[in-house]
Amino acid sequence: MLTETINRMANQGGRNTQDRPAPNQYCSFKDFIDTKPPSFREAEEPLQAEEWLNTVEQKFRLLWLTEGLKAEYAAHQLQGPASIWWNQYREALPDNTVIDWNLICEAFKGYFIPPGVMEMKHTEFMQLTQGNKTLKEYLHAFNHLSRYAPEFVNTEAKKIASF
């Protein structure tokens, strides 16, 4: 059963980038809104901000958006204090700055997610053991924490070795 679980987990991570369609530059904002993306105002806990980024990224993968559209659509989901922060951040950028999804992610993480939190989660992943957890509980914890240590799960072999 353990071997089956490890193989299933490894196969889920194997993505063939050659089969992906080209980014969709014609996807409308309505198409994006139809995926019911979350809005973001502020986070009581830093990991809520990280979860917002992950959820919005999932919506983007559904639509195969260009990096520019991702930035535009995500910026519209920022409300209240987050919208004020983004507007001030954007206006402080040099005029010729290309605003893409990566820029928003880096700025967003820098403002809403203290680096210590990410390091703490990385350490939690590195120290994860099955202990008295069921295999299902351990697999859930492994999958949840693995996003904080992508360098240990970015290939099938690394996932299996880390598991």
C-alpha atoms as a PDB file:
ATOM      1  CA  MET A   1       0.000   0.000   0.000  1.00  0.00           C
ATOM      2  CA  LEU A   2       2.853   2.414   0.802  1.00  0.00           C
ATOM      3  CA  THR A   3       4.445   1.769  -2.591  1.00  0.00           C
ATOM      4  CA  GLU A   4       1.097   2.398  -4.321  1.00  0.00           C
ATOM      5  CA  THR A   5       0.644   5.670  -2.457  1.00  0.00           C
ATOM      6  CA  ILE A   6       4.160   6.853  -3.279  1.00  0.00           C
ATOM      7  CA  ASN A   7       3.745   5.944  -6.955  1.00  0.00           C
ATOM      8  CA  ARG A   8       0.348   7.681  -7.151  1.00  0.00           C
ATOM      9  CA  MET A   9       1.793  10.776  -5.503  1.00  0.00           C
ATOM     10  CA  ALA A  10       4.753  10.790  -7.896  1.00  0.00           C
ATOM     11  CA  ASN A  11       2.516  10.399 -10.936  1.00  0.00           C
ATOM     12  CA  GLN A  12       0.318  13.300  -9.898  1.00  0.00           C
ATOM     13  CA  GLY A  13       3.335  15.591  -9.868  1.00  0.00           C
ATOM     14  CA  GLY A  14       4.586  14.603 -13.317  1.00  0.00           C
ATOM     15  CA  ARG A  15       3.412  17.264 -15.718  1.00  0.00           C
ATOM     16  CA  ASN A  16       4.140  17.165 -19.400  1.00  0.00           C
ATOM     17  CA  THR A  17       4.718  20.763 -20.410  1.00  0.00           C
ATOM     18  CA  GLN A  18       4.680  19.840 -24.103  1.00  0.00           C
ATOM     19  CA  ASP A  19       0.946  19.087 -23.896  1.00  0.00           C
ATOM     20  CA  ARG A  20       0.058  22.509 -22.522  1.00  0.00           C
ATOM     21  CA  PRO A  21      -1.748  24.966 -24.778  1.00  0.00           C
ATOM     22  CA  ALA A  22      -0.303  28.395 -25.404  1.00  0.00           C
ATOM     23  CA  PRO A  23      -1.324  31.085 -22.876  1.00  0.00           C
ATOM     24  CA  ASN A  24      -4.782  32.443 -23.564  1.00  0.00           C
ATOM     25  CA  GLN A  25      -4.568  36.152 -24.294  1.00  0.00           C
ATOM     26  CA  TYR A  26      -8.292  36.345 -25.050  1.00  0.00           C
ATOM     27  CA  CYS A  27      -9.660  35.105 -21.736  1.00  0.00           C
ATOM     28  CA  SER A  28     -12.048  37.721 -20.425  1.00  0.00           C
ATOM     29  CA  PHE A  29     -12.307  39.006 -16.898  1.00  0.00           C
ATOM     30  CA  LYS A  30     -15.781  37.464 -16.818  1.00  0.00           C
ATOM     31  CA  ASP A  31     -14.232  34.058 -17.580  1.00  0.00           C
ATOM     32  CA  PHE A  32     -11.919  34.589 -14.624  1.00  0.00           C
ATOM     33  CA  ILE A  33     -14.733  35.724 -12.319  1.00  0.00           C
ATOM     34  CA  ASP A  34     -16.763  32.680 -13.348  1.00  0.00           C
ATOM     35  CA  THR A  35     -14.104  30.531 -11.615  1.00  0.00           C
ATOM     36  CA  LYS A  36     -15.130  32.271  -8.362  1.00  0.00           C
ATOM     37  CA  PRO A  37     -11.689  33.549  -7.349  1.00  0.00           C
ATOM     38  CA  PRO A  38     -11.353  34.790  -3.783  1.00  0.00           C
ATOM     39  CA  SER A  39     -10.826  38.436  -3.026  1.00  0.00           C
ATOM     40  CA  PHE A  40      -8.187  39.533  -0.557  1.00  0.00           C
ATOM     41  CA  ARG A  41      -8.463  42.394   1.934  1.00  0.00           C
ATOM     42  CA  GLU A  42      -5.978  41.523   4.654  1.00  0.00           C
ATOM     43  CA  ALA A  43      -4.768  38.468   6.500  1.00  0.00           C
ATOM     44  CA  GLU A  44      -5.138  37.782  10.178  1.00  0.00           C
ATOM     45  CA  GLU A  45      -2.512  35.061   9.729  1.00  0.00           C
ATOM     46  CA  PRO A  46       0.307  35.265   7.135  1.00  0.00           C
ATOM     47  CA  LEU A  47      -0.542  31.842   5.730  1.00  0.00           C
ATOM     48  CA  GLN A  48      -3.957  33.182   4.678  1.00  0.00           C
ATOM     49  CA  ALA A  49      -2.122  35.451   2.249  1.00  0.00           C
ATOM     50  CA  GLU A  50      -0.134  32.517   0.919  1.00  0.00           C
ATOM     51  CA  GLU A  51      -3.322  30.498   0.549  1.00  0.00           C
ATOM     52  CA  TRP A  52      -4.906  33.340  -1.458  1.00  0.00           C
ATOM     53  CA  LEU A  53      -1.957  33.279  -3.861  1.00  0.00           C
ATOM     54  CA  ASN A  54      -2.248  29.500  -4.258  1.00  0.00           C
ATOM     55  CA  THR A  55      -5.991  29.634  -4.869  1.00  0.00           C
ATOM     56  CA  VAL A  56      -5.722  32.423  -7.444  1.00  0.00           C
ATOM     57  CA  GLU A  57      -2.918  30.517  -9.177  1.00  0.00           C
ATOM     58  CA  GLN A  58      -5.220  27.479  -9.411  1.00  0.00           C
ATOM     59  CA  LYS A  59      -7.822  29.638 -11.139  1.00  0.00           C
ATOM     60  CA  PHE A  60      -5.179  30.903 -13.566  1.00  0.00           C
ATOM     61  CA  ARG A  61      -4.163  27.350 -14.453  1.00  0.00           C
ATOM     62  CA  LEU A  62      -7.752  26.608 -15.436  1.00  0.00           C
ATOM     63  CA  LEU A  63      -7.749  29.446 -17.945  1.00  0.00           C
ATOM     64  CA  TRP A  64      -4.121  29.388 -19.191  1.00  0.00           C
ATOM     65  CA  LEU A  65      -3.824  33.152 -18.831  1.00  0.00           C
ATOM     66  CA  THR A  66      -0.895  35.239 -19.985  1.00  0.00           C
ATOM     67  CA  GLU A  67       1.311  36.697 -17.247  1.00  0.00           C
ATOM     68  CA  GLY A  68      -0.045  40.182 -17.977  1.00  0.00           C
ATOM     69  CA  LEU A  69      -3.680  39.100 -17.663  1.00  0.00           C
ATOM     70  CA  LYS A  70      -2.885  37.258 -14.440  1.00  0.00           C
ATOM     71  CA  ALA A  71      -1.528  40.488 -12.997  1.00  0.00           C
ATOM     72  CA  GLU A  72      -4.548  42.536 -14.115  1.00  0.00           C
ATOM     73  CA  TYR A  73      -7.109  40.024 -12.908  1.00  0.00           C
ATOM     74  CA  ALA A  74      -5.390  39.370  -9.566  1.00  0.00           C
ATOM     75  CA  ALA A  75      -5.042  43.089  -8.872  1.00  0.00           C
ATOM     76  CA  HIS A  76      -8.820  43.416  -9.237  1.00  0.00           C
ATOM     77  CA  GLN A  77      -9.271  40.849  -6.472  1.00  0.00           C
ATOM     78  CA  LEU A  78      -7.365  43.009  -3.984  1.00  0.00           C
ATOM     79  CA  GLN A  79      -9.793  45.027  -1.887  1.00  0.00           C
ATOM     80  CA  GLY A  80      -9.674  47.469   0.995  1.00  0.00           C
ATOM     81  CA  PRO A  81      -6.252  47.657   2.681  1.00  0.00           C
ATOM     82  CA  ALA A  82      -4.699  45.246   0.143  1.00  0.00           C
ATOM     83  CA  SER A  83      -5.919  47.375  -2.756  1.00  0.00           C
ATOM     84  CA  ILE A  84      -4.520  50.519  -1.148  1.00  0.00           C
ATOM     85  CA  TRP A  85      -1.171  48.771  -0.638  1.00  0.00           C
ATOM     86  CA  TRP A  86      -1.078  47.561  -4.261  1.00  0.00           C
ATOM     87  CA  ASN A  87      -1.968  50.967  -5.703  1.00  0.00           C
ATOM     88  CA  GLN A  88       0.787  52.637  -3.666  1.00  0.00           C
ATOM     89  CA  TYR A  89       3.291  49.932  -4.568  1.00  0.00           C
ATOM     90  CA  ARG A  90       2.434  50.127  -8.285  1.00  0.00           C
ATOM     91  CA  GLU A  91       2.682  53.911  -8.370  1.00  0.00           C
ATOM     92  CA  ALA A  92       6.158  53.779  -6.800  1.00  0.00           C
ATOM     93  CA  LEU A  93       7.451  51.558  -9.628  1.00  0.00           C
ATOM     94  CA  PRO A  94       9.444  53.118 -12.471  1.00  0.00           C
ATOM     95  CA  ASP A  95       7.280  54.039 -15.474  1.00  0.00           C
ATOM     96  CA  ASN A  96       8.648  51.326 -17.750  1.00  0.00           C
ATOM     97  CA  THR A  97       8.174  48.462 -15.260  1.00  0.00           C
ATOM     98  CA  VAL A  98       6.366  45.458 -16.717  1.00  0.00           C
ATOM     99  CA  ILE A  99       3.728  44.407 -14.223  1.00  0.00           C
ATOM    100  CA  ASP A 100       3.258  40.670 -14.446  1.00  0.00           C
ATOM    101  CA  TRP A 101       2.085  37.928 -12.113  1.00  0.00           C
ATOM    102  CA  ASN A 102       5.606  37.251 -10.807  1.00  0.00           C
ATOM    103  CA  LEU A 103       6.038  40.883  -9.793  1.00  0.00           C
ATOM    104  CA  ILE A 104       2.723  40.857  -7.931  1.00  0.00           C
ATOM    105  CA  CYS A 105       3.575  37.565  -6.195  1.00  0.00           C
ATOM    106  CA  GLU A 106       6.975  38.746  -5.024  1.00  0.00           C
ATOM    107  CA  ALA A 107       5.667  42.103  -3.814  1.00  0.00           C
ATOM    108  CA  PHE A 108       2.630  40.485  -2.170  1.00  0.00           C
ATOM    109  CA  LYS A 109       4.732  37.885  -0.353  1.00  0.00           C
ATOM    110  CA  GLY A 110       7.210  40.540   0.721  1.00  0.00           C
ATOM    111  CA  TYR A 111       4.472  42.661   2.249  1.00  0.00           C
ATOM    112  CA  PHE A 112       1.996  40.104   3.643  1.00  0.00           C
ATOM    113  CA  ILE A 113       4.137  37.046   4.442  1.00  0.00           C
ATOM    114  CA  PRO A 114       7.132  37.465   6.753  1.00  0.00           C
ATOM    115  CA  PRO A 115      10.111  35.356   5.590  1.00  0.00           C
ATOM    116  CA  GLY A 116      10.304  33.697   9.003  1.00  0.00           C
ATOM    117  CA  VAL A 117       6.897  32.100   8.487  1.00  0.00           C
ATOM    118  CA  MET A 118       7.998  30.438   5.264  1.00  0.00           C
ATOM    119  CA  GLU A 119      11.224  29.255   6.906  1.00  0.00           C
ATOM    120  CA  MET A 120       9.208  27.835   9.800  1.00  0.00           C
ATOM    121  CA  LYS A 121       6.987  25.856   7.400  1.00  0.00           C
ATOM    122  CA  HIS A 122      10.058  24.671   5.481  1.00  0.00           C
ATOM    123  CA  THR A 123      11.545  23.386   8.744  1.00  0.00           C
ATOM    124  CA  GLU A 124       8.234  21.743   9.628  1.00  0.00           C
ATOM    125  CA  PHE A 125       8.344  19.884   6.294  1.00  0.00           C
ATOM    126  CA  MET A 126      11.960  18.817   6.847  1.00  0.00           C
ATOM    127  CA  GLN A 127      11.128  17.464  10.321  1.00  0.00           C
ATOM    128  CA  LEU A 128       7.909  15.707   9.262  1.00  0.00           C
ATOM    129  CA  THR A 129       7.729  12.050  10.253  1.00  0.00           C
ATOM    130  CA  GLN A 130       4.848   9.625  10.163  1.00  0.00           C
ATOM    131  CA  GLY A 131       5.117   8.862  13.882  1.00  0.00           C
ATOM    132  CA  ASN A 132       1.691   7.771  15.089  1.00  0.00           C
ATOM    133  CA  LYS A 133      -0.160   9.311  12.126  1.00  0.00           C
ATOM    134  CA  THR A 134      -2.069   7.064   9.771  1.00  0.00           C
ATOM    135  CA  LEU A 135      -0.664   6.869   6.257  1.00  0.00           C
ATOM    136  CA  LYS A 136      -3.509   9.085   5.056  1.00  0.00           C
ATOM    137  CA  GLU A 137      -2.791  11.717   7.745  1.00  0.00           C
ATOM    138  CA  TYR A 138       0.925  11.633   6.940  1.00  0.00           C
ATOM    139  CA  LEU A 139       0.267  11.939   3.196  1.00  0.00           C
ATOM    140  CA  HIS A 140      -2.021  14.930   3.829  1.00  0.00           C
ATOM    141  CA  ALA A 141       0.616  16.639   5.995  1.00  0.00           C
ATOM    142  CA  PHE A 142       3.344  15.829   3.451  1.00  0.00           C
ATOM    143  CA  ASN A 143       1.333  17.276   0.555  1.00  0.00           C
ATOM    144  CA  HIS A 144       0.360  20.363   2.554  1.00  0.00           C
ATOM    145  CA  LEU A 145       3.883  21.139   3.748  1.00  0.00           C
ATOM    146  CA  SER A 146       5.687  20.191   0.529  1.00  0.00           C
ATOM    147  CA  ARG A 147       4.792  23.534  -1.057  1.00  0.00           C
ATOM    148  CA  TYR A 148       7.149  25.167   1.434  1.00  0.00           C
ATOM    149  CA  ALA A 149      10.084  23.036   0.303  1.00  0.00           C
ATOM    150  CA  PRO A 150       9.676  22.793  -3.491  1.00  0.00           C
ATOM    151  CA  GLU A 151      13.346  21.943  -3.982  1.00  0.00           C
ATOM    152  CA  PHE A 152      12.664  18.580  -2.314  1.00  0.00           C
ATOM    153  CA  VAL A 153       9.586  17.655  -4.359  1.00  0.00           C
ATOM    154  CA  ASN A 154      10.180  19.128  -7.815  1.00  0.00           C
ATOM    155  CA  THR A 155      10.873  15.723  -9.386  1.00  0.00           C
ATOM    156  CA  GLU A 156       9.276  12.327  -8.900  1.00  0.00           C
ATOM    157  CA  ALA A 157      12.497  10.895  -7.496  1.00  0.00           C
ATOM    158  CA  LYS A 158      12.823  13.728  -4.957  1.00  0.00           C
ATOM    159  CA  LYS A 159       9.193  13.330  -3.857  1.00  0.00           C
ATOM    160  CA  ILE A 160       9.658   9.621  -3.289  1.00  0.00           C
ATOM    161  CA  ALA A 161      12.926  10.160  -1.425  1.00  0.00           C
ATOM    162  CA  SER A 162      11.383  12.894   0.774  1.00  0.00           C
ATOM    163  CA  PHE A 163       8.289  10.846   1.491  1.00  0.00           C
END
